[in-house]
Structure formats: C-alpha cells, structure tokens
Amino acid sequence: MGLKGVTMSSVCVFCGSRFGKNGSYKAAAEDLGNAIAKEGMRLVYGAGDVGLMGTVARSCQDAGGEVFGVIPVHLFDREVGKRDLRTFVVTENMHERKKVMFMNSDAIVVLPGGAGSLDEFFEVLTWAQLDLHAKPIFILNIDGYWDTLVALVDQIVDDGFADASLKDLFRVVHTVPELINALPRVPR
C-alpha cells in the first residue's frame, strides 16, 4: 500500500510495561515491532526493556529497524531502560516523556496496557480534540482488550461531555496487518 518510495517515518507506540494475561498481546507486540522495521519505519516508544514495551522494541531491532526510546529518570530502573538503542532520551518527568515521544512521531498506536497507556492515549486524544495536532491515533484492539475504552468514549459522547467528532479522532484496528495498511504514508 502507498506510493513507491514513500513511507511513514516514525510510529509512536504506547503499551504496557507488563505482558498482561493474554499471550496474544505479546504476539501482537512482536508482530508490530517486526512490521514497523519491515516497512522502513522508526519505532518511538517508552524505552523500557520489560513487558510489551521491551517486546515491541526487541522485535523491531531484531528485524533491523530503528528504535527511538524515551524514558523518565524515575522509571529508568523500574522499567529497565533499554541501553542498546541508537537514540535514547532520558526526561525529567512523565509529561516530558510523552511530549518527546509525540514530537518525534508521525502517528500514534496504542497496544494493550495499563493506566500509563490510558494516560498517554487520553493526552494525545485531548491534544487532537483541541486542534493541537492532526496525527493519526490508532487503538490496536487485540482480542477486544480496548472494547471498554471505546465504550467509555461512546458514553462520554452520548452523555454530552464531548462532541461526536471525538470518535473521529482515533481509529480502532484489530490486527497488525490492518494497522500497517491503515497508516498513512509520508515522504521520508
């Protein structure tokens, strides 16, 4: 898909620092890291070497891809900062981490994760709602993991706390190939 010689340059992936209980989450992280590398994209992620974060990064690296990691100093030990990255940024806090990741990406993908992944998703969604960016946001809804999140956004709109256009600011996809095909291509 896309024009010859044209590719997405950087994809930010928000995901868990744990694996979760469903093995398909780890498999999706492996597939995504591999696909990002095979498509000639750069992975931008939270620089941890644990859970889905470490999996997506190692998979991308193993497939010859470029990985850009960003981690706040207070999580360096807890998330086992991945030291074998060519580009590695240590920030002072979580907000700065999100900003650096966002500023160095062309699209955002949310894999399964916990409160941190929700925080990251809602921050970039809010920025889009406020017209601060128009980068595509994708929820990779592996085995329905994010169904309740999508239902929550529907409820927010249904109860009048957001305009229906909020739902147009992100796209739900269910497989890595569906995601890769949906990513817009931009000149490198």
Protein backbone atom coordinates (compact mmCIF):
# COMPACT_ATOMS: atom_id res chain seq x y z
CA MET A 1 0.00 0.00 0.00
CA GLY A 2 1.14 3.57 -0.56
CA LEU A 3 3.34 5.17 -3.16
CA LYS A 4 6.65 3.65 -4.20
CA GLY A 5 9.47 5.22 -2.21
CA VAL A 6 7.08 6.78 0.29
CA THR A 7 6.76 5.58 3.86
CA MET A 8 5.74 6.65 7.35
CA SER A 9 8.91 7.79 9.05
CA SER A 10 8.07 7.30 12.77
CA VAL A 11 5.37 5.47 14.71
CA CYS A 12 4.92 6.10 18.43
CA VAL A 13 3.74 3.00 20.31
CA PHE A 14 2.17 3.31 23.75
CA CYS A 15 1.88 -0.03 25.54
CA GLY A 16 2.22 -1.88 28.80
CA SER A 17 5.36 -2.43 30.84
CA ARG A 18 3.82 -5.81 31.65
CA PHE A 19 2.69 -8.62 29.35
CA GLY A 20 -0.90 -8.97 30.56
CA LYS A 21 -2.59 -12.35 30.90
CA ASN A 22 -3.36 -12.97 27.22
CA GLY A 23 -0.43 -14.27 25.17
CA SER A 24 -1.86 -12.63 22.07
CA TYR A 25 -0.80 -9.21 23.42
CA LYS A 26 2.87 -10.22 23.38
CA ALA A 27 2.45 -11.81 19.95
CA ALA A 28 0.92 -8.58 18.64
CA ALA A 29 3.80 -6.55 20.11
CA GLU A 30 6.28 -8.86 18.36
CA ASP A 31 4.37 -8.61 15.08
CA LEU A 32 4.12 -4.84 15.35
CA GLY A 33 7.83 -4.32 16.04
CA ASN A 34 8.69 -6.59 13.12
CA ALA A 35 6.21 -4.86 10.79
CA ILE A 36 7.49 -1.39 11.71
CA ALA A 37 11.02 -2.46 10.77
CA LYS A 38 9.94 -4.25 7.58
CA GLU A 39 8.03 -1.15 6.45
CA GLY A 40 11.12 1.02 6.95
CA MET A 41 9.54 2.98 9.79
CA ARG A 42 11.15 4.08 13.04
CA LEU A 43 9.68 2.94 16.36
CA VAL A 44 9.31 5.62 19.02
CA TYR A 45 8.46 4.13 22.42
CA GLY A 46 8.90 4.41 26.18
CA ALA A 47 12.45 2.93 26.27
CA GLY A 48 11.62 0.17 28.74
CA ASP A 49 13.02 -3.33 28.28
CA VAL A 50 10.14 -5.04 30.09
CA GLY A 51 6.65 -6.23 29.13
CA LEU A 52 5.12 -5.28 25.81
CA MET A 53 7.43 -2.24 25.60
CA GLY A 54 10.55 -4.38 25.59
CA THR A 55 8.95 -6.88 23.23
CA VAL A 56 8.00 -4.36 20.56
CA ALA A 57 11.47 -2.77 20.72
CA ARG A 58 13.43 -6.03 20.58
CA SER A 59 11.27 -7.28 17.72
CA CYS A 60 11.86 -4.08 15.77
CA GLN A 61 15.61 -4.23 16.43
CA ASP A 62 15.80 -7.93 15.53
CA ALA A 63 14.20 -7.13 12.18
CA GLY A 64 16.77 -4.39 11.51
CA GLY A 65 14.56 -1.45 12.47
CA GLU A 66 15.46 1.86 14.06
CA VAL A 67 14.24 2.42 17.63
CA PHE A 68 13.98 5.75 19.47
CA GLY A 69 13.43 5.35 23.22
CA VAL A 70 12.29 7.95 25.75
CA ILE A 71 12.20 7.28 29.49
CA PRO A 72 11.85 9.50 32.57
CA VAL A 73 14.73 9.29 35.03
CA HIS A 74 12.50 7.97 37.84
CA LEU A 75 11.45 4.94 35.73
CA PHE A 76 14.90 4.05 34.43
CA ASP A 77 15.41 1.22 36.92
CA ARG A 78 11.76 0.18 37.26
CA GLU A 79 11.21 -0.21 33.51
CA VAL A 80 14.79 -1.41 32.92
CA GLY A 81 15.82 1.33 30.50
CA LYS A 82 16.89 -0.31 27.23
CA ARG A 83 20.51 0.77 26.85
CA ASP A 84 21.26 -0.70 23.41
CA LEU A 85 19.26 1.90 21.46
CA ARG A 86 20.92 4.23 18.99
CA THR A 87 18.61 7.06 20.11
CA PHE A 88 17.84 7.16 23.83
CA VAL A 89 16.44 10.18 25.68
CA VAL A 90 16.09 10.44 29.47
CA THR A 91 13.50 13.02 30.56
CA GLU A 92 12.81 14.62 33.91
CA ASN A 93 9.16 13.52 34.15
CA MET A 94 6.29 11.64 32.50
CA HIS A 95 4.80 14.70 30.79
CA GLU A 96 8.12 15.47 29.11
CA ARG A 97 8.40 11.82 28.05
CA LYS A 98 5.02 11.95 26.31
CA LYS A 99 5.89 15.24 24.65
CA VAL A 100 9.23 13.97 23.29
CA MET A 101 7.64 10.75 22.04
CA PHE A 102 4.80 12.65 20.40
CA MET A 103 7.04 15.28 18.80
CA ASN A 104 9.22 12.58 17.23
CA SER A 105 6.40 10.60 15.64
CA ASP A 106 4.03 10.82 12.70
CA ALA A 107 1.35 8.50 14.09
CA ILE A 108 0.38 7.04 17.45
CA VAL A 109 -0.52 3.40 18.16
CA VAL A 110 -1.92 2.15 21.46
CA LEU A 111 -1.34 -1.54 22.24
CA PRO A 112 -2.81 -3.14 25.37
CA GLY A 113 -1.52 -1.57 28.56
CA GLY A 114 -2.48 -0.15 31.91
CA ALA A 115 -3.04 3.25 33.46
CA GLY A 116 0.06 4.71 31.82
CA SER A 117 -1.14 3.69 28.35
CA LEU A 118 -4.55 5.20 29.10
CA ASP A 119 -2.90 8.43 30.24
CA GLU A 120 -0.85 8.56 27.04
CA PHE A 121 -3.88 7.85 24.85
CA PHE A 122 -6.07 10.46 26.53
CA GLU A 123 -3.34 13.09 26.39
CA VAL A 124 -2.80 12.76 22.62
CA LEU A 125 -6.58 12.45 22.10
CA THR A 126 -7.15 15.67 24.09
CA TRP A 127 -4.44 17.45 22.09
CA ALA A 128 -6.21 16.35 18.88
CA GLN A 129 -9.59 17.48 20.26
CA LEU A 130 -8.06 20.91 20.95
CA ASP A 131 -6.67 21.06 17.38
CA LEU A 132 -3.09 20.96 18.62
CA HIS A 133 -2.27 18.18 16.15
CA ALA A 134 -3.76 16.09 13.38
CA LYS A 135 -1.57 13.00 13.72
CA PRO A 136 -3.48 9.74 13.29
CA ILE A 137 -4.17 7.81 16.50
CA PHE A 138 -4.81 4.07 16.33
CA ILE A 139 -6.07 1.74 19.03
CA LEU A 140 -4.80 -1.78 18.35
CA ASN A 141 -7.68 -3.66 19.93
CA ILE A 142 -6.17 -7.13 20.29
CA ASP A 143 -8.82 -9.70 21.28
CA GLY A 144 -11.18 -6.89 22.30
CA TYR A 145 -8.84 -5.56 25.01
CA TRP A 146 -9.89 -1.95 24.41
CA ASP A 147 -13.63 -2.60 23.93
CA THR A 148 -14.45 -0.97 27.27
CA LEU A 149 -12.31 2.06 26.39
CA VAL A 150 -14.22 2.51 23.14
CA ALA A 151 -17.49 2.09 25.07
CA LEU A 152 -16.33 4.74 27.55
CA VAL A 153 -15.65 7.22 24.74
CA ASP A 154 -19.11 6.42 23.34
CA GLN A 155 -20.62 7.13 26.77
CA ILE A 156 -18.73 10.42 27.07
CA VAL A 157 -20.22 11.49 23.74
CA ASP A 158 -23.70 10.06 24.47
CA ASP A 159 -23.84 11.84 27.84
CA GLY A 160 -22.93 15.17 26.24
CA PHE A 161 -19.40 15.62 27.60
CA ALA A 162 -17.87 15.66 24.13
CA ASP A 163 -18.96 16.24 20.58
CA ALA A 164 -19.43 13.16 18.38
CA SER A 165 -16.37 14.31 16.43
CA LEU A 166 -14.25 12.99 19.33
CA LYS A 167 -14.78 9.48 17.95
CA ASP A 168 -13.33 10.58 14.60
CA LEU A 169 -10.00 11.47 16.19
CA PHE A 170 -8.88 7.86 16.54
CA ARG A 171 -9.35 4.62 14.67
CA VAL A 172 -9.80 1.16 16.13
CA VAL A 173 -8.00 -1.67 14.33
CA HIS A 174 -7.86 -5.32 15.36
CA THR A 175 -4.72 -6.76 13.76
CA VAL A 176 -1.21 -5.62 12.97
CA PRO A 177 -1.71 -6.03 9.19
CA GLU A 178 -4.89 -3.91 9.40
CA LEU A 179 -2.90 -1.25 11.27
CA ILE A 180 0.01 -1.26 8.81
CA ASN A 181 -2.39 -0.92 5.88
CA ALA A 182 -4.18 1.98 7.63
CA LEU A 183 -1.05 4.01 8.39
CA PRO A 184 -0.75 6.99 6.07
CA ARG A 185 2.48 7.19 4.15
CA VAL A 186 4.54 10.37 4.21
CA PRO A 187 7.79 11.22 2.40
CA ARG A 188 10.94 10.47 4.36
